[in-house]
Amino acid sequence: MSDWTADAADTIERTVALVRERTVDPVRAITKAVVYGLLAAVLVVPALVFVTIAVFRLLVAACQGEVWGAWAGMGGIFLAVGGFLWAKREA
């Protein structure tokens, strides 16, 4: 004769493990991705702003103080990047 209490406990344990595997684990993975994505965005966006400001300052120095040359250079850079990204988009 089998021990029905042990069988019942094993069945409950398997059921709880299955429910956790199908619910908690995917939600945990999604939450981790969202948190790391937000952290990356919080770090990358200010870094890009600072790099853009530094490039602009370097262009002003390279154009010997002529700000219009720096604006034209930055406009050309952004235009080239935008054109590249526009060419890579999907229809």
N, C-alpha and C. Protein backbone atom coordinates (compact mmCIF):
# COMPACT_ATOMS: atom_id res chain seq x y z
N MET A 1 0.84 -1.17 0.00
CA MET A 1 0.00 0.00 0.00
C MET A 1 0.90 1.25 0.00
N SER A 2 0.53 2.23 -0.83
CA SER A 2 1.37 3.42 -0.95
C SER A 2 1.02 4.43 0.13
N ASP A 3 1.96 5.31 0.34
CA ASP A 3 1.76 6.36 1.34
C ASP A 3 1.06 7.53 0.65
N TRP A 4 -0.23 7.66 0.87
CA TRP A 4 -1.02 8.66 0.16
C TRP A 4 -0.65 10.09 0.57
N THR A 5 -0.14 10.27 1.77
CA THR A 5 0.24 11.62 2.18
C THR A 5 1.45 12.12 1.40
N ALA A 6 2.40 11.22 1.19
CA ALA A 6 3.59 11.60 0.41
C ALA A 6 3.21 11.85 -1.04
N ASP A 7 2.29 11.01 -1.59
CA ASP A 7 1.84 11.22 -2.97
C ASP A 7 1.11 12.54 -3.12
N ALA A 8 0.27 12.88 -2.15
CA ALA A 8 -0.46 14.14 -2.19
C ALA A 8 0.50 15.33 -2.10
N ALA A 9 1.47 15.23 -1.22
CA ALA A 9 2.46 16.31 -1.09
C ALA A 9 3.28 16.46 -2.36
N ASP A 10 3.67 15.37 -2.99
CA ASP A 10 4.42 15.44 -4.25
C ASP A 10 3.58 16.05 -5.36
N THR A 11 2.30 15.68 -5.41
CA THR A 11 1.41 16.24 -6.43
C THR A 11 1.26 17.75 -6.24
N ILE A 12 1.07 18.18 -5.01
CA ILE A 12 0.96 19.62 -4.73
C ILE A 12 2.26 20.33 -5.09
N GLU A 13 3.38 19.74 -4.75
CA GLU A 13 4.67 20.36 -5.07
C GLU A 13 4.89 20.47 -6.57
N ARG A 14 4.54 19.44 -7.32
CA ARG A 14 4.68 19.48 -8.78
C ARG A 14 3.76 20.53 -9.39
N THR A 15 2.54 20.64 -8.84
CA THR A 15 1.58 21.61 -9.37
C THR A 15 2.06 23.04 -9.10
N VAL A 16 2.54 23.28 -7.91
CA VAL A 16 3.05 24.61 -7.58
C VAL A 16 4.26 24.95 -8.44
N ALA A 17 5.15 23.99 -8.66
CA ALA A 17 6.33 24.22 -9.50
C ALA A 17 5.92 24.51 -10.93
N LEU A 18 4.91 23.80 -11.45
CA LEU A 18 4.44 24.02 -12.81
C LEU A 18 3.82 25.41 -12.95
N VAL A 19 3.00 25.80 -11.98
CA VAL A 19 2.38 27.13 -12.03
C VAL A 19 3.44 28.21 -11.96
N ARG A 20 4.43 28.03 -11.11
CA ARG A 20 5.51 29.01 -11.01
C ARG A 20 6.29 29.09 -12.32
N GLU A 21 6.57 27.94 -12.90
CA GLU A 21 7.33 27.90 -14.15
C GLU A 21 6.60 28.63 -15.27
N ARG A 22 5.29 28.55 -15.29
CA ARG A 22 4.52 29.16 -16.38
C ARG A 22 4.10 30.60 -16.10
N THR A 23 4.18 31.06 -14.87
CA THR A 23 3.74 32.43 -14.57
C THR A 23 4.86 33.30 -14.04
N VAL A 24 5.48 32.91 -12.96
CA VAL A 24 6.44 33.78 -12.27
C VAL A 24 7.73 33.93 -13.07
N ASP A 25 8.24 32.87 -13.62
CA ASP A 25 9.53 32.93 -14.33
C ASP A 25 9.48 33.84 -15.57
N PRO A 26 8.44 33.74 -16.44
CA PRO A 26 8.40 34.69 -17.57
C PRO A 26 8.23 36.14 -17.13
N VAL A 27 7.43 36.37 -16.10
CA VAL A 27 7.24 37.75 -15.61
C VAL A 27 8.55 38.28 -15.04
N ARG A 28 9.29 37.44 -14.36
CA ARG A 28 10.58 37.85 -13.81
C ARG A 28 11.55 38.24 -14.94
N ALA A 29 11.56 37.46 -16.01
CA ALA A 29 12.45 37.76 -17.13
C ALA A 29 12.06 39.07 -17.81
N ILE A 30 10.76 39.29 -17.99
CA ILE A 30 10.29 40.53 -18.61
C ILE A 30 10.61 41.73 -17.73
N THR A 31 10.40 41.58 -16.43
CA THR A 31 10.70 42.66 -15.51
C THR A 31 12.19 43.00 -15.51
N LYS A 32 13.02 41.98 -15.56
CA LYS A 32 14.46 42.22 -15.60
C LYS A 32 14.86 42.97 -16.88
N ALA A 33 14.25 42.60 -18.01
CA ALA A 33 14.56 43.28 -19.26
C ALA A 33 14.11 44.74 -19.22
N VAL A 34 12.94 45.00 -18.64
CA VAL A 34 12.45 46.38 -18.56
C VAL A 34 13.35 47.21 -17.65
N VAL A 35 13.75 46.66 -16.52
CA VAL A 35 14.59 47.41 -15.59
C VAL A 35 15.95 47.71 -16.22
N TYR A 36 16.56 46.72 -16.85
CA TYR A 36 17.86 46.97 -17.47
C TYR A 36 17.73 47.91 -18.66
N GLY A 37 16.64 47.84 -19.39
CA GLY A 37 16.42 48.77 -20.49
C GLY A 37 16.28 50.20 -20.02
N LEU A 38 15.52 50.40 -18.94
CA LEU A 38 15.39 51.75 -18.39
C LEU A 38 16.72 52.26 -17.84
N LEU A 39 17.46 51.39 -17.19
CA LEU A 39 18.77 51.79 -16.67
C LEU A 39 19.70 52.20 -17.81
N ALA A 40 19.68 51.42 -18.89
CA ALA A 40 20.52 51.76 -20.04
C ALA A 40 20.09 53.09 -20.65
N ALA A 41 18.78 53.33 -20.74
CA ALA A 41 18.29 54.59 -21.29
C ALA A 41 18.69 55.77 -20.42
N VAL A 42 18.62 55.58 -19.10
CA VAL A 42 18.98 56.67 -18.18
C VAL A 42 20.47 56.99 -18.30
N LEU A 43 21.29 56.02 -18.62
CA LEU A 43 22.72 56.26 -18.75
C LEU A 43 23.11 56.73 -20.15
N VAL A 44 22.46 56.21 -21.17
CA VAL A 44 22.87 56.49 -22.55
C VAL A 44 22.39 57.86 -23.03
N VAL A 45 21.18 58.25 -22.69
CA VAL A 45 20.65 59.52 -23.19
C VAL A 45 21.48 60.72 -22.73
N PRO A 46 21.80 60.85 -21.44
CA PRO A 46 22.67 61.99 -21.07
C PRO A 46 24.06 61.89 -21.69
N ALA A 47 24.57 60.68 -21.84
CA ALA A 47 25.89 60.53 -22.47
C ALA A 47 25.84 61.04 -23.92
N LEU A 48 24.78 60.73 -24.64
CA LEU A 48 24.66 61.22 -26.02
C LEU A 48 24.53 62.74 -26.06
N VAL A 49 23.82 63.31 -25.11
CA VAL A 49 23.70 64.77 -25.05
C VAL A 49 25.06 65.40 -24.81
N PHE A 50 25.81 64.85 -23.85
CA PHE A 50 27.14 65.40 -23.56
C PHE A 50 28.10 65.23 -24.74
N VAL A 51 28.03 64.11 -25.43
CA VAL A 51 28.89 63.90 -26.60
C VAL A 51 28.52 64.90 -27.70
N THR A 52 27.23 65.14 -27.90
CA THR A 52 26.80 66.12 -28.90
C THR A 52 27.31 67.51 -28.56
N ILE A 53 27.20 67.89 -27.30
CA ILE A 53 27.71 69.20 -26.87
C ILE A 53 29.21 69.29 -27.08
N ALA A 54 29.94 68.21 -26.75
CA ALA A 54 31.40 68.22 -26.93
C ALA A 54 31.77 68.33 -28.40
N VAL A 55 31.07 67.64 -29.27
CA VAL A 55 31.36 67.72 -30.71
C VAL A 55 31.08 69.13 -31.21
N PHE A 56 29.99 69.72 -30.74
CA PHE A 56 29.68 71.09 -31.15
C PHE A 56 30.78 72.05 -30.71
N ARG A 57 31.23 71.91 -29.48
CA ARG A 57 32.32 72.77 -28.98
C ARG A 57 33.60 72.58 -29.79
N LEU A 58 33.90 71.32 -30.13
CA LEU A 58 35.08 71.06 -30.96
C LEU A 58 34.93 71.68 -32.34
N LEU A 59 33.73 71.62 -32.90
CA LEU A 59 33.52 72.25 -34.21
C LEU A 59 33.65 73.77 -34.12
N VAL A 60 33.18 74.37 -33.04
CA VAL A 60 33.35 75.82 -32.86
C VAL A 60 34.83 76.16 -32.78
N ALA A 61 35.60 75.34 -32.04
CA ALA A 61 37.04 75.58 -31.94
C ALA A 61 37.73 75.36 -33.28
N ALA A 62 37.28 74.35 -34.03
CA ALA A 62 37.90 74.07 -35.33
C ALA A 62 37.58 75.17 -36.34
N CYS A 63 36.42 75.80 -36.21
CA CYS A 63 36.04 76.87 -37.13
C CYS A 63 36.50 78.23 -36.63
N GLN A 64 37.41 78.27 -35.67
CA GLN A 64 37.98 79.48 -35.09
C GLN A 64 36.90 80.46 -34.61
N GLY A 65 35.93 79.91 -33.88
CA GLY A 65 34.92 80.76 -33.27
C GLY A 65 33.74 81.08 -34.16
N GLU A 66 33.74 80.65 -35.39
CA GLU A 66 32.61 80.89 -36.29
C GLU A 66 31.51 79.88 -35.96
N VAL A 67 30.48 80.34 -35.27
CA VAL A 67 29.44 79.44 -34.80
C VAL A 67 28.61 78.90 -35.95
N TRP A 68 28.45 79.66 -37.00
CA TRP A 68 27.65 79.18 -38.12
C TRP A 68 28.28 77.94 -38.75
N GLY A 69 29.62 77.88 -38.74
CA GLY A 69 30.30 76.70 -39.28
C GLY A 69 30.04 75.47 -38.43
N ALA A 70 29.99 75.66 -37.11
CA ALA A 70 29.69 74.55 -36.22
C ALA A 70 28.26 74.07 -36.42
N TRP A 71 27.32 75.04 -36.57
CA TRP A 71 25.93 74.66 -36.80
C TRP A 71 25.80 73.91 -38.13
N ALA A 72 26.51 74.37 -39.14
CA ALA A 72 26.46 73.69 -40.44
C ALA A 72 27.08 72.30 -40.34
N GLY A 73 28.17 72.18 -39.61
CA GLY A 73 28.80 70.87 -39.44
C GLY A 73 27.91 69.90 -38.68
N MET A 74 27.30 70.37 -37.59
CA MET A 74 26.39 69.50 -36.83
C MET A 74 25.17 69.15 -37.67
N GLY A 75 24.67 70.11 -38.42
CA GLY A 75 23.53 69.82 -39.30
C GLY A 75 23.89 68.77 -40.33
N GLY A 76 25.08 68.87 -40.88
CA GLY A 76 25.53 67.86 -41.85
C GLY A 76 25.67 66.49 -41.22
N ILE A 77 26.20 66.44 -40.00
CA ILE A 77 26.35 65.16 -39.31
C ILE A 77 24.98 64.53 -39.05
N PHE A 78 24.05 65.33 -38.51
CA PHE A 78 22.72 64.80 -38.23
C PHE A 78 21.98 64.44 -39.51
N LEU A 79 22.19 65.20 -40.57
CA LEU A 79 21.58 64.89 -41.85
C LEU A 79 22.11 63.57 -42.40
N ALA A 80 23.41 63.35 -42.28
CA ALA A 80 23.99 62.09 -42.75
C ALA A 80 23.50 60.90 -41.93
N VAL A 81 23.45 61.05 -40.62
CA VAL A 81 22.95 59.96 -39.77
C VAL A 81 21.48 59.69 -40.06
N GLY A 82 20.69 60.74 -40.19
CA GLY A 82 19.27 60.58 -40.51
C GLY A 82 19.06 59.92 -41.86
N GLY A 83 19.86 60.32 -42.86
CA GLY A 83 19.76 59.67 -44.17
C GLY A 83 20.13 58.21 -44.13
N PHE A 84 21.14 57.89 -43.36
CA PHE A 84 21.54 56.48 -43.21
C PHE A 84 20.43 55.67 -42.55
N LEU A 85 19.88 56.20 -41.47
CA LEU A 85 18.81 55.49 -40.78
C LEU A 85 17.55 55.39 -41.64
N TRP A 86 17.27 56.43 -42.42
CA TRP A 86 16.11 56.40 -43.31
C TRP A 86 16.29 55.34 -44.38
N ALA A 87 17.50 55.17 -44.86
CA ALA A 87 17.76 54.15 -45.88
C ALA A 87 17.64 52.74 -45.30
N LYS A 88 17.92 52.58 -44.01
CA LYS A 88 17.87 51.27 -43.37
C LYS A 88 16.48 50.88 -42.87
N ARG A 89 15.51 51.80 -42.94
CA ARG A 89 14.17 51.49 -42.40
C ARG A 89 13.49 50.42 -43.24
N GLU A 90 12.50 49.78 -42.63
CA GLU A 90 11.73 48.78 -43.36
C GLU A 90 10.47 49.43 -43.91
N ALA A 91 10.10 49.00 -45.10
CA ALA A 91 8.92 49.59 -45.75
C ALA A 91 7.64 49.19 -45.07
